[in-house]
Amino acid sequence: MSDVIGPRGTALVTGVTGQDGIYLARRLLAEGMRVVGVARAGSVDGPRAAAYLPGVEMRACDVADARALAELVTEVGPDEIYNLAAVSSVGRSWSEPELTRRINRDAVAGLLDAAVSLHRDGNTVRLFQASTAEILGTAAASPYARAKAEAEALVAEARETEGLHACFARLYVHESPIRATGFVFRKITRGAAEIARGRAETLTLGTLDVRRDWGHAADYVDAFVRMVRRDEPLDLPIGTGRPHALAEVVEVAFAAAGVDDPWAHVVQDPALVRPADTADLVADPSPAAEAIGWRARTTFEELVARMVQVDLARVDSGVEDDPAYL
């Protein structure tokens, strides 16, 4: 059974201009919470923030700057901290391993230190760390997965030695219409839309035989909140439990866009294959269902269709960011 408590006053959300940050911040605002969003200097007043984050108090901060982050946490005095800031691409982590470690591991250490200081001073603060299921597969060798695994250990240490209400979720892959096009799922839905509208002829992809547990980011942020508000902190896997091959994403996306023969448009490029990749990565959703009453609601087909619909709207209108896309 779940033992979830209700919303409290102030939430601090790092990585707030990412897809998870946007859905989470809007969810918390709708509950009446004060939401302070942390992002890079160039993002706090950018078009994504303007379109999707009205009402969020935006703060520019380099999360790898431990002193600046600690000062921000002290100033805000949050009841809930959601650390979503990350280098979130396995592929990118291979080309930028030092940056990946600074953001995905060192920044977590700094944020935990700041939260522990608040806790020691008698403040009630709870922390959520977004981790990844990639640490379980062959991609565990990647700089991305290694840094995330070390961050998990830091969260567990702060909980066990300091009594901090801290938890992490091992997140399986989740998407949304506001996912960046650098991620293959969104690359496919955007490519299908552009081909359907005659703006492109081909879509270039790498490996097609991987299977993933793809969910909707809007569903997943509900799990984040439930985990933070559970009386006792608990680390959980968060995923749908329903795997699909990347080739299925292509076929369903092109069908949703009205393109009959997707494989006539797909080109494979060996240069896009990751140095390490896990062929099959699927969640067990039962722990989250039992502990916090959470299961994914959006089906794979619904997710693909919605993302294609939004990308068609983008191609037709030329507007990349619009609240209607959520």
C-alpha atoms as a PDB file:
ATOM      1  CA  MET A   1       0.000   0.000   0.000  1.00  0.00           C
ATOM      2  CA  SER A   2       1.063   3.599  -0.624  1.00  0.00           C
ATOM      3  CA  ASP A   3       1.621   5.980   2.266  1.00  0.00           C
ATOM      4  CA  VAL A   4       1.767   9.209   0.294  1.00  0.00           C
ATOM      5  CA  ILE A   5       1.352  12.617   1.920  1.00  0.00           C
ATOM      6  CA  GLY A   6      -0.084  15.750   0.350  1.00  0.00           C
ATOM      7  CA  PRO A   7       1.675  18.715  -1.286  1.00  0.00           C
ATOM      8  CA  ARG A   8       3.687  21.228   0.717  1.00  0.00           C
ATOM      9  CA  GLY A   9       4.986  24.738   0.160  1.00  0.00           C
ATOM     10  CA  THR A  10       8.059  25.165  -2.056  1.00  0.00           C
ATOM     11  CA  ALA A  11       9.645  22.912  -4.647  1.00  0.00           C
ATOM     12  CA  LEU A  12      13.069  23.374  -6.239  1.00  0.00           C
ATOM     13  CA  VAL A  13      13.386  21.726  -9.654  1.00  0.00           C
ATOM     14  CA  THR A  14      16.756  21.517 -11.403  1.00  0.00           C
ATOM     15  CA  GLY A  15      16.808  20.936 -15.141  1.00  0.00           C
ATOM     16  CA  VAL A  16      13.422  22.614 -15.277  1.00  0.00           C
ATOM     17  CA  THR A  17      13.506  23.362 -19.021  1.00  0.00           C
ATOM     18  CA  GLY A  18      13.878  19.681 -19.924  1.00  0.00           C
ATOM     19  CA  GLN A  19      10.808  17.616 -20.710  1.00  0.00           C
ATOM     20  CA  ASP A  20      10.547  16.136 -17.207  1.00  0.00           C
ATOM     21  CA  GLY A  21      11.140  19.505 -15.586  1.00  0.00           C
ATOM     22  CA  ILE A  22       8.389  21.149 -17.598  1.00  0.00           C
ATOM     23  CA  TYR A  23       5.765  18.496 -16.888  1.00  0.00           C
ATOM     24  CA  LEU A  24       6.761  18.340 -13.222  1.00  0.00           C
ATOM     25  CA  ALA A  25       6.811  22.103 -12.665  1.00  0.00           C
ATOM     26  CA  ARG A  26       3.382  22.505 -14.233  1.00  0.00           C
ATOM     27  CA  ARG A  27       2.046  19.672 -12.092  1.00  0.00           C
ATOM     28  CA  LEU A  28       3.370  21.255  -8.898  1.00  0.00           C
ATOM     29  CA  LEU A  29       2.091  24.716  -9.829  1.00  0.00           C
ATOM     30  CA  ALA A  30      -1.365  23.232 -10.424  1.00  0.00           C
ATOM     31  CA  GLU A  31      -1.255  21.932  -6.845  1.00  0.00           C
ATOM     32  CA  GLY A  32      -0.634  25.456  -5.604  1.00  0.00           C
ATOM     33  CA  MET A  33       3.025  25.023  -4.742  1.00  0.00           C
ATOM     34  CA  ARG A  34       5.671  27.662  -5.172  1.00  0.00           C
ATOM     35  CA  VAL A  35       8.058  26.320  -7.814  1.00  0.00           C
ATOM     36  CA  VAL A  36      11.623  27.551  -8.245  1.00  0.00           C
ATOM     37  CA  GLY A  37      13.146  26.287 -11.476  1.00  0.00           C
ATOM     38  CA  VAL A  38      16.891  25.994 -12.048  1.00  0.00           C
ATOM     39  CA  ALA A  39      18.412  26.070 -15.529  1.00  0.00           C
ATOM     40  CA  ARG A  40      21.416  27.312 -17.443  1.00  0.00           C
ATOM     41  CA  ALA A  41      21.731  31.055 -17.941  1.00  0.00           C
ATOM     42  CA  GLY A  42      20.745  30.846 -21.592  1.00  0.00           C
ATOM     43  CA  SER A  43      17.612  28.843 -20.853  1.00  0.00           C
ATOM     44  CA  VAL A  44      15.894  30.725 -18.035  1.00  0.00           C
ATOM     45  CA  ASP A  45      14.442  33.329 -20.384  1.00  0.00           C
ATOM     46  CA  GLY A  46      14.407  31.252 -23.570  1.00  0.00           C
ATOM     47  CA  PRO A  47      11.394  30.300 -25.702  1.00  0.00           C
ATOM     48  CA  ARG A  48      10.771  26.984 -23.902  1.00  0.00           C
ATOM     49  CA  ALA A  49      10.550  28.689 -20.527  1.00  0.00           C
ATOM     50  CA  ALA A  50       8.297  31.392 -21.936  1.00  0.00           C
ATOM     51  CA  ALA A  51       5.958  28.882 -23.561  1.00  0.00           C
ATOM     52  CA  TYR A  52       5.744  26.208 -20.912  1.00  0.00           C
ATOM     53  CA  LEU A  53       6.784  27.618 -17.535  1.00  0.00           C
ATOM     54  CA  PRO A  54       4.747  30.732 -16.708  1.00  0.00           C
ATOM     55  CA  GLY A  55       4.456  31.031 -12.962  1.00  0.00           C
ATOM     56  CA  VAL A  56       7.769  29.291 -12.247  1.00  0.00           C
ATOM     57  CA  GLU A  57      10.428  31.396 -10.513  1.00  0.00           C
ATOM     58  CA  MET A  58      13.340  30.869 -12.883  1.00  0.00           C
ATOM     59  CA  ARG A  59      16.890  30.949 -11.509  1.00  0.00           C
ATOM     60  CA  ALA A  60      20.075  30.685 -13.550  1.00  0.00           C
ATOM     61  CA  CYS A  61      22.652  28.433 -11.902  1.00  0.00           C
ATOM     62  CA  ASP A  62      25.438  26.124 -12.988  1.00  0.00           C
ATOM     63  CA  VAL A  63      24.524  23.017 -10.987  1.00  0.00           C
ATOM     64  CA  ALA A  64      28.165  21.896 -11.082  1.00  0.00           C
ATOM     65  CA  ASP A  65      29.072  24.996  -9.041  1.00  0.00           C
ATOM     66  CA  ALA A  66      28.602  23.538  -5.554  1.00  0.00           C
ATOM     67  CA  ARG A  67      28.846  26.893  -3.773  1.00  0.00           C
ATOM     68  CA  ALA A  68      26.320  28.633  -6.011  1.00  0.00           C
ATOM     69  CA  LEU A  69      23.942  25.699  -5.759  1.00  0.00           C
ATOM     70  CA  ALA A  70      24.234  25.561  -1.959  1.00  0.00           C
ATOM     71  CA  GLU A  71      23.544  29.286  -1.714  1.00  0.00           C
ATOM     72  CA  LEU A  72      20.476  28.892  -3.905  1.00  0.00           C
ATOM     73  CA  VAL A  73      19.126  25.993  -1.851  1.00  0.00           C
ATOM     74  CA  THR A  74      19.673  27.962   1.376  1.00  0.00           C
ATOM     75  CA  GLU A  75      17.948  31.023  -0.057  1.00  0.00           C
ATOM     76  CA  VAL A  76      14.938  29.135  -1.387  1.00  0.00           C
ATOM     77  CA  GLY A  77      14.512  26.800   1.600  1.00  0.00           C
ATOM     78  CA  PRO A  78      12.619  24.168  -0.395  1.00  0.00           C
ATOM     79  CA  ASP A  79      10.400  21.484   1.087  1.00  0.00           C
ATOM     80  CA  GLU A  80      10.892  19.299  -1.987  1.00  0.00           C
ATOM     81  CA  ILE A  81      13.951  19.088  -4.257  1.00  0.00           C
ATOM     82  CA  TYR A  82      13.753  17.349  -7.609  1.00  0.00           C
ATOM     83  CA  ASN A  83      17.144  16.924  -9.269  1.00  0.00           C
ATOM     84  CA  LEU A  84      16.464  16.405 -12.952  1.00  0.00           C
ATOM     85  CA  ALA A  85      19.500  18.259 -14.329  1.00  0.00           C
ATOM     86  CA  ALA A  86      21.741  15.890 -16.265  1.00  0.00           C
ATOM     87  CA  VAL A  87      23.678  15.108 -19.371  1.00  0.00           C
ATOM     88  CA  SER A  88      20.901  12.745 -20.393  1.00  0.00           C
ATOM     89  CA  SER A  89      22.302  11.126 -23.531  1.00  0.00           C
ATOM     90  CA  VAL A  90      24.451   7.988 -23.397  1.00  0.00           C
ATOM     91  CA  GLY A  91      25.869   8.921 -26.787  1.00  0.00           C
ATOM     92  CA  ARG A  92      26.825  12.421 -25.701  1.00  0.00           C
ATOM     93  CA  SER A  93      28.494  11.096 -22.562  1.00  0.00           C
ATOM     94  CA  TRP A  94      31.080   9.250 -24.644  1.00  0.00           C
ATOM     95  CA  SER A  95      32.186  12.496 -26.283  1.00  0.00           C
ATOM     96  CA  GLU A  96      31.973  14.610 -23.097  1.00  0.00           C
ATOM     97  CA  PRO A  97      32.857  12.313 -20.174  1.00  0.00           C
ATOM     98  CA  GLU A  98      34.216  15.027 -17.859  1.00  0.00           C
ATOM     99  CA  LEU A  99      31.159  17.239 -18.250  1.00  0.00           C
ATOM    100  CA  THR A 100      28.953  14.204 -17.743  1.00  0.00           C
ATOM    101  CA  ARG A 101      30.631  13.391 -14.440  1.00  0.00           C
ATOM    102  CA  ARG A 102      30.430  17.000 -13.214  1.00  0.00           C
ATOM    103  CA  ILE A 103      26.711  17.239 -13.930  1.00  0.00           C
ATOM    104  CA  ASN A 104      25.527  13.688 -13.274  1.00  0.00           C
ATOM    105  CA  ARG A 105      27.610  12.905 -10.199  1.00  0.00           C
ATOM    106  CA  ASP A 106      29.392  15.920  -8.703  1.00  0.00           C
ATOM    107  CA  ALA A 107      26.340  18.181  -8.862  1.00  0.00           C
ATOM    108  CA  VAL A 108      24.331  15.557  -6.996  1.00  0.00           C
ATOM    109  CA  ALA A 109      26.950  15.546  -4.230  1.00  0.00           C
ATOM    110  CA  GLY A 110      26.681  19.325  -3.923  1.00  0.00           C
ATOM    111  CA  LEU A 111      22.896  19.271  -3.866  1.00  0.00           C
ATOM    112  CA  LEU A 112      22.845  16.550  -1.213  1.00  0.00           C
ATOM    113  CA  ASP A 113      25.288  18.523   0.933  1.00  0.00           C
ATOM    114  CA  ALA A 114      23.021  21.548   0.749  1.00  0.00           C
ATOM    115  CA  ALA A 115      19.936  19.473   1.569  1.00  0.00           C
ATOM    116  CA  VAL A 116      21.713  17.824   4.511  1.00  0.00           C
ATOM    117  CA  SER A 117      22.633  21.266   5.867  1.00  0.00           C
ATOM    118  CA  LEU A 118      18.981  22.278   5.809  1.00  0.00           C
ATOM    119  CA  HIS A 119      18.032  18.990   7.436  1.00  0.00           C
ATOM    120  CA  ARG A 120      20.588  19.422  10.222  1.00  0.00           C
ATOM    121  CA  ASP A 121      19.175  22.880  10.913  1.00  0.00           C
ATOM    122  CA  GLY A 122      15.796  21.329  11.582  1.00  0.00           C
ATOM    123  CA  ASN A 123      14.169  22.069   8.227  1.00  0.00           C
ATOM    124  CA  THR A 124      11.938  19.512   6.585  1.00  0.00           C
ATOM    125  CA  VAL A 125      13.319  18.764   3.137  1.00  0.00           C
ATOM    126  CA  ARG A 126      12.889  15.833   0.784  1.00  0.00           C
ATOM    127  CA  LEU A 127      15.015  15.072  -2.260  1.00  0.00           C
ATOM    128  CA  PHE A 128      14.360  13.110  -5.442  1.00  0.00           C
ATOM    129  CA  GLN A 129      17.188  12.053  -7.753  1.00  0.00           C
ATOM    130  CA  ALA A 130      16.457  11.039 -11.339  1.00  0.00           C
ATOM    131  CA  SER A 131      18.592   7.984 -12.091  1.00  0.00           C
ATOM    132  CA  THR A 132      18.549   5.621 -15.048  1.00  0.00           C
ATOM    133  CA  ALA A 133      17.917   2.002 -15.950  1.00  0.00           C
ATOM    134  CA  GLU A 134      20.922   2.224 -18.281  1.00  0.00           C
ATOM    135  CA  ILE A 135      23.129   1.260 -15.336  1.00  0.00           C
ATOM    136  CA  LEU A 136      21.672  -2.258 -15.558  1.00  0.00           C
ATOM    137  CA  GLY A 137      22.643  -3.150 -19.123  1.00  0.00           C
ATOM    138  CA  THR A 138      25.701  -3.186 -21.354  1.00  0.00           C
ATOM    139  CA  ALA A 139      25.589   0.614 -21.484  1.00  0.00           C
ATOM    140  CA  ALA A 140      26.613   0.509 -17.804  1.00  0.00           C
ATOM    141  CA  ALA A 141      30.141   1.058 -19.088  1.00  0.00           C
ATOM    142  CA  SER A 142      29.196   4.474 -20.462  1.00  0.00           C
ATOM    143  CA  PRO A 143      30.261   7.662 -18.653  1.00  0.00           C
ATOM    144  CA  TYR A 144      26.557   8.475 -18.350  1.00  0.00           C
ATOM    145  CA  ALA A 145      25.636   5.278 -16.529  1.00  0.00           C
ATOM    146  CA  ARG A 146      28.743   5.239 -14.339  1.00  0.00           C
ATOM    147  CA  ALA A 147      28.085   8.763 -13.080  1.00  0.00           C
ATOM    148  CA  LYS A 148      24.421   7.979 -12.439  1.00  0.00           C
ATOM    149  CA  ALA A 149      25.343   4.857 -10.482  1.00  0.00           C
ATOM    150  CA  GLU A 150      27.728   6.840  -8.284  1.00  0.00           C
ATOM    151  CA  ALA A 151      24.999   9.412  -7.693  1.00  0.00           C
ATOM    152  CA  GLU A 152      22.666   6.648  -6.524  1.00  0.00           C
ATOM    153  CA  ALA A 153      25.257   5.632  -3.940  1.00  0.00           C
ATOM    154  CA  LEU A 154      25.506   9.217  -2.714  1.00  0.00           C
ATOM    155  CA  VAL A 155      21.738   9.423  -2.265  1.00  0.00           C
ATOM    156  CA  ALA A 156      21.677   6.170  -0.308  1.00  0.00           C
ATOM    157  CA  GLU A 157      24.549   7.359   1.887  1.00  0.00           C
ATOM    158  CA  ALA A 158      22.838  10.655   2.721  1.00  0.00           C
ATOM    159  CA  ARG A 159      19.674   8.781   3.629  1.00  0.00           C
ATOM    160  CA  GLU A 160      21.406   6.173   5.764  1.00  0.00           C
ATOM    161  CA  THR A 161      23.995   8.316   7.547  1.00  0.00           C
ATOM    162  CA  GLU A 162      22.185  11.667   7.810  1.00  0.00           C
ATOM    163  CA  GLY A 163      18.546  10.613   7.934  1.00  0.00           C
ATOM    164  CA  LEU A 164      17.741  12.737   4.886  1.00  0.00           C
ATOM    165  CA  HIS A 165      14.482  11.868   3.149  1.00  0.00           C
ATOM    166  CA  ALA A 166      16.155  11.119  -0.180  1.00  0.00           C
ATOM    167  CA  CYS A 167      15.333   8.622  -2.919  1.00  0.00           C
ATOM    168  CA  PHE A 168      16.157   7.849  -6.511  1.00  0.00           C
ATOM    169  CA  ALA A 169      14.189   6.361  -9.379  1.00  0.00           C
ATOM    170  CA  ARG A 170      15.791   4.173 -12.009  1.00  0.00           C
ATOM    171  CA  LEU A 171      13.943   5.607 -14.962  1.00  0.00           C
ATOM    172  CA  TYR A 172      13.309   3.691 -18.121  1.00  0.00           C
ATOM    173  CA  VAL A 173      13.176   5.627 -21.362  1.00  0.00           C
ATOM    174  CA  HIS A 174      10.381   8.149 -21.512  1.00  0.00           C
ATOM    175  CA  GLU A 175       9.399  10.574 -24.226  1.00  0.00           C
ATOM    176  CA  SER A 176       6.986  13.401 -24.936  1.00  0.00           C
ATOM    177  CA  PRO A 177       6.116  15.914 -27.653  1.00  0.00           C
ATOM    178  CA  ILE A 178       8.641  18.310 -26.070  1.00  0.00           C
ATOM    179  CA  ARG A 179      11.533  15.837 -26.131  1.00  0.00           C
ATOM    180  CA  ALA A 180      14.631  17.192 -27.921  1.00  0.00           C
ATOM    181  CA  THR A 181      15.193  15.955 -31.484  1.00  0.00           C
ATOM    182  CA  GLY A 182      18.638  14.692 -30.496  1.00  0.00           C
ATOM    183  CA  PHE A 183      16.882  11.661 -28.990  1.00  0.00           C
ATOM    184  CA  VAL A 184      16.029   8.938 -31.461  1.00  0.00           C
ATOM    185  CA  PHE A 185      12.317   8.570 -30.628  1.00  0.00           C
ATOM    186  CA  ARG A 186      11.626  12.255 -31.286  1.00  0.00           C
ATOM    187  CA  LYS A 187      13.978  12.181 -34.280  1.00  0.00           C
ATOM    188  CA  ILE A 188      11.730   9.515 -35.750  1.00  0.00           C
ATOM    189  CA  THR A 189       8.432  11.315 -35.085  1.00  0.00           C
ATOM    190  CA  ARG A 190       9.819  14.572 -36.471  1.00  0.00           C
ATOM    191  CA  GLY A 191      11.285  12.788 -39.477  1.00  0.00           C
ATOM    192  CA  ALA A 192       7.965  11.063 -40.196  1.00  0.00           C
ATOM    193  CA  ALA A 193       6.172  14.423 -40.039  1.00  0.00           C
ATOM    194  CA  GLU A 194       8.659  16.107 -42.373  1.00  0.00           C
ATOM    195  CA  ILE A 195       8.496  13.259 -44.892  1.00  0.00           C
ATOM    196  CA  ALA A 196       4.704  13.273 -44.744  1.00  0.00           C
ATOM    197  CA  ARG A 197       4.680  16.977 -45.565  1.00  0.00           C
ATOM    198  CA  GLY A 198       7.282  16.683 -48.329  1.00  0.00           C
ATOM    199  CA  ARG A 199       9.942  18.565 -46.362  1.00  0.00           C
ATOM    200  CA  ALA A 200      12.354  15.605 -46.360  1.00  0.00           C
ATOM    201  CA  GLU A 201      12.923  12.385 -48.291  1.00  0.00           C
ATOM    202  CA  THR A 202      14.881  10.223 -45.859  1.00  0.00           C
ATOM    203  CA  LEU A 203      15.426   9.573 -42.155  1.00  0.00           C
ATOM    204  CA  THR A 204      18.895   8.448 -41.068  1.00  0.00           C
ATOM    205  CA  LEU A 205      19.127   6.102 -38.088  1.00  0.00           C
ATOM    206  CA  GLY A 206      21.658   3.798 -36.419  1.00  0.00           C
ATOM    207  CA  THR A 207      20.775   0.554 -34.621  1.00  0.00           C
ATOM    208  CA  LEU A 208      17.215  -0.626 -35.223  1.00  0.00           C
ATOM    209  CA  ASP A 209      17.141  -3.907 -33.288  1.00  0.00           C
ATOM    210  CA  VAL A 210      17.169  -2.510 -29.723  1.00  0.00           C
ATOM    211  CA  ARG A 211      14.044  -2.848 -27.577  1.00  0.00           C
ATOM    212  CA  ARG A 212      13.078  -0.309 -24.981  1.00  0.00           C
ATOM    213  CA  ASP A 213      10.406   0.290 -22.388  1.00  0.00           C
ATOM    214  CA  TRP A 214       9.078   3.619 -23.666  1.00  0.00           C
ATOM    215  CA  GLY A 215       6.672   5.676 -21.569  1.00  0.00           C
ATOM    216  CA  HIS A 216       5.290   9.216 -21.454  1.00  0.00           C
ATOM    217  CA  ALA A 217       7.150  11.815 -19.377  1.00  0.00           C
ATOM    218  CA  ALA A 218       3.853  13.218 -18.088  1.00  0.00           C
ATOM    219  CA  ASP A 219       3.108   9.865 -16.463  1.00  0.00           C
ATOM    220  CA  TYR A 220       6.598   9.539 -15.010  1.00  0.00           C
ATOM    221  CA  VAL A 221       6.647  12.853 -13.167  1.00  0.00           C
ATOM    222  CA  ASP A 222       3.593  11.687 -11.235  1.00  0.00           C
ATOM    223  CA  ALA A 223       5.797   8.867  -9.929  1.00  0.00           C
ATOM    224  CA  PHE A 224       8.449  11.399  -8.871  1.00  0.00           C
ATOM    225  CA  VAL A 225       5.948  13.289  -6.750  1.00  0.00           C
ATOM    226  CA  ARG A 226       4.527  10.134  -5.216  1.00  0.00           C
ATOM    227  CA  MET A 227       8.024   8.969  -4.257  1.00  0.00           C
ATOM    228  CA  VAL A 228       8.923  12.273  -2.599  1.00  0.00           C
ATOM    229  CA  ARG A 229       5.690  12.323  -0.608  1.00  0.00           C
ATOM    230  CA  ARG A 230       5.894   8.772   0.632  1.00  0.00           C
ATOM    231  CA  ASP A 231       6.369   8.682   4.406  1.00  0.00           C
ATOM    232  CA  GLU A 232       9.458   6.478   4.116  1.00  0.00           C
ATOM    233  CA  PRO A 233      11.888   7.065   1.230  1.00  0.00           C
ATOM    234  CA  LEU A 234      12.173   4.169  -1.187  1.00  0.00           C
ATOM    235  CA  ASP A 235      14.155   3.729  -4.413  1.00  0.00           C
ATOM    236  CA  LEU A 236      12.096   2.362  -7.289  1.00  0.00           C
ATOM    237  CA  PRO A 237      12.285   1.393 -10.966  1.00  0.00           C
ATOM    238  CA  ILE A 238       9.859   3.448 -13.046  1.00  0.00           C
ATOM    239  CA  GLY A 239       8.737   2.051 -16.380  1.00  0.00           C
ATOM    240  CA  THR A 240       5.780   0.588 -18.247  1.00  0.00           C
ATOM    241  CA  GLY A 241       6.913  -3.042 -18.384  1.00  0.00           C
ATOM    242  CA  ARG A 242       5.977  -3.145 -22.085  1.00  0.00           C
ATOM    243  CA  PRO A 243       8.972  -3.307 -24.475  1.00  0.00           C
ATOM    244  CA  HIS A 244       8.942  -2.257 -28.119  1.00  0.00           C
ATOM    245  CA  ALA A 245      11.599  -2.479 -30.818  1.00  0.00           C
ATOM    246  CA  LEU A 246      12.930   0.691 -32.390  1.00  0.00           C
ATOM    247  CA  ALA A 247      11.656  -0.616 -35.723  1.00  0.00           C
ATOM    248  CA  GLU A 248       8.143  -0.519 -34.211  1.00  0.00           C
ATOM    249  CA  VAL A 249       8.582   3.166 -33.422  1.00  0.00           C
ATOM    250  CA  VAL A 250       9.388   3.765 -37.094  1.00  0.00           C
ATOM    251  CA  GLU A 251       6.412   1.798 -38.360  1.00  0.00           C
ATOM    252  CA  VAL A 252       3.865   3.268 -35.944  1.00  0.00           C
ATOM    253  CA  ALA A 253       5.158   6.832 -36.431  1.00  0.00           C
ATOM    254  CA  PHE A 254       5.069   6.700 -40.226  1.00  0.00           C
ATOM    255  CA  ALA A 255       1.593   5.165 -40.131  1.00  0.00           C
ATOM    256  CA  ALA A 256       0.409   7.949 -37.826  1.00  0.00           C
ATOM    257  CA  ALA A 257       1.838  10.487 -40.272  1.00  0.00           C
ATOM    258  CA  GLY A 258       0.063   8.812 -43.207  1.00  0.00           C
ATOM    259  CA  VAL A 259       3.191   7.426 -44.902  1.00  0.00           C
ATOM    260  CA  ASP A 260       2.592   3.915 -46.216  1.00  0.00           C
ATOM    261  CA  ASP A 261       6.119   2.528 -46.699  1.00  0.00           C
ATOM    262  CA  PRO A 262       8.493   3.768 -43.984  1.00  0.00           C
ATOM    263  CA  TRP A 263      11.406   1.576 -44.990  1.00  0.00           C
ATOM    264  CA  ALA A 264      11.580   3.266 -48.372  1.00  0.00           C
ATOM    265  CA  HIS A 265      12.648   6.383 -46.483  1.00  0.00           C
ATOM    266  CA  VAL A 266      14.936   4.991 -43.757  1.00  0.00           C
ATOM    267  CA  VAL A 267      18.725   4.996 -44.205  1.00  0.00           C
ATOM    268  CA  GLN A 268      20.990   3.260 -41.697  1.00  0.00           C
ATOM    269  CA  ASP A 269      24.325   4.851 -40.791  1.00  0.00           C
ATOM    270  CA  PRO A 270      26.849   2.726 -38.828  1.00  0.00           C
ATOM    271  CA  ALA A 271      28.384   5.941 -37.481  1.00  0.00           C
ATOM    272  CA  LEU A 272      25.246   6.463 -35.366  1.00  0.00           C
ATOM    273  CA  VAL A 273      25.628   3.152 -33.507  1.00  0.00           C
ATOM    274  CA  ARG A 274      26.620   3.684 -29.856  1.00  0.00           C
ATOM    275  CA  PRO A 275      29.929   2.285 -28.543  1.00  0.00           C
ATOM    276  CA  ALA A 276      27.886   0.285 -26.003  1.00  0.00           C
ATOM    277  CA  ASP A 277      24.179  -0.342 -26.046  1.00  0.00           C
ATOM    278  CA  THR A 278      21.758  -2.642 -24.300  1.00  0.00           C
ATOM    279  CA  ALA A 279      19.678  -4.725 -26.680  1.00  0.00           C
ATOM    280  CA  ASP A 280      16.672  -5.102 -24.355  1.00  0.00           C
ATOM    281  CA  LEU A 281      15.801  -2.957 -21.331  1.00  0.00           C
ATOM    282  CA  VAL A 282      12.414  -3.465 -19.669  1.00  0.00           C
ATOM    283  CA  ALA A 283      11.069  -2.410 -16.258  1.00  0.00           C
ATOM    284  CA  ASP A 284       9.248  -4.442 -13.661  1.00  0.00           C
ATOM    285  CA  PRO A 285       6.376  -2.050 -12.830  1.00  0.00           C
ATOM    286  CA  SER A 286       5.108  -4.018  -9.843  1.00  0.00           C
ATOM    287  CA  PRO A 287       7.316  -2.416  -7.116  1.00  0.00           C
ATOM    288  CA  ALA A 288       6.053   1.067  -7.992  1.00  0.00           C
ATOM    289  CA  ALA A 289       2.477  -0.173  -8.188  1.00  0.00           C
ATOM    290  CA  GLU A 290       2.727  -1.692  -4.719  1.00  0.00           C
ATOM    291  CA  ALA A 291       4.693   1.080  -2.999  1.00  0.00           C
ATOM    292  CA  ILE A 292       3.164   4.254  -4.459  1.00  0.00           C
ATOM    293  CA  GLY A 293       0.138   3.090  -6.439  1.00  0.00           C
ATOM    294  CA  TRP A 294       1.706   4.070  -9.758  1.00  0.00           C
ATOM    295  CA  ARG A 295       1.445   2.519 -13.207  1.00  0.00           C
ATOM    296  CA  ALA A 296       1.954   4.140 -16.592  1.00  0.00           C
ATOM    297  CA  ARG A 297      -1.306   5.231 -18.196  1.00  0.00           C
ATOM    298  CA  THR A 298      -0.261   6.180 -21.735  1.00  0.00           C
ATOM    299  CA  THR A 299       0.128   3.351 -24.233  1.00  0.00           C
ATOM    300  CA  PHE A 300       2.996   3.130 -26.696  1.00  0.00           C
ATOM    301  CA  GLU A 301       0.654   3.731 -29.624  1.00  0.00           C
ATOM    302  CA  GLU A 302      -0.923   6.762 -27.943  1.00  0.00           C
ATOM    303  CA  LEU A 303       2.504   8.236 -27.210  1.00  0.00           C
ATOM    304  CA  VAL A 304       3.747   7.827 -30.779  1.00  0.00           C
ATOM    305  CA  ALA A 305       0.535   9.170 -32.294  1.00  0.00           C
ATOM    306  CA  ARG A 306       0.541  12.264 -30.073  1.00  0.00           C
ATOM    307  CA  MET A 307       4.172  13.048 -30.806  1.00  0.00           C
ATOM    308  CA  VAL A 308       3.617  12.710 -34.545  1.00  0.00           C
ATOM    309  CA  GLN A 309       0.506  14.904 -34.312  1.00  0.00           C
ATOM    310  CA  VAL A 310       2.500  17.630 -32.576  1.00  0.00           C
ATOM    311  CA  ASP A 311       5.402  17.369 -35.021  1.00  0.00           C
ATOM    312  CA  LEU A 312       2.990  17.693 -37.928  1.00  0.00           C
ATOM    313  CA  ALA A 313       1.659  20.848 -36.259  1.00  0.00           C
ATOM    314  CA  ARG A 314       5.210  22.156 -35.906  1.00  0.00           C
ATOM    315  CA  VAL A 315       6.009  21.516 -39.562  1.00  0.00           C
ATOM    316  CA  ASP A 316       2.751  23.135 -40.675  1.00  0.00           C
ATOM    317  CA  SER A 317       2.973  26.207 -38.421  1.00  0.00           C
ATOM    318  CA  GLY A 318       6.716  26.740 -37.968  1.00  0.00           C
ATOM    319  CA  VAL A 319       6.071  27.170 -34.214  1.00  0.00           C
ATOM    320  CA  GLU A 320       8.375  24.958 -32.183  1.00  0.00           C
ATOM    321  CA  ASP A 321       7.098  25.719 -28.650  1.00  0.00           C
ATOM    322  CA  ASP A 322       3.442  26.040 -27.734  1.00  0.00           C
ATOM    323  CA  PRO A 323       1.561  25.024 -24.558  1.00  0.00           C
ATOM    324  CA  ALA A 324      -0.942  23.232 -26.792  1.00  0.00           C
ATOM    325  CA  TYR A 325       1.767  20.693 -27.640  1.00  0.00           C
ATOM    326  CA  LEU A 326       1.814  19.312 -24.107  1.00  0.00           C
END
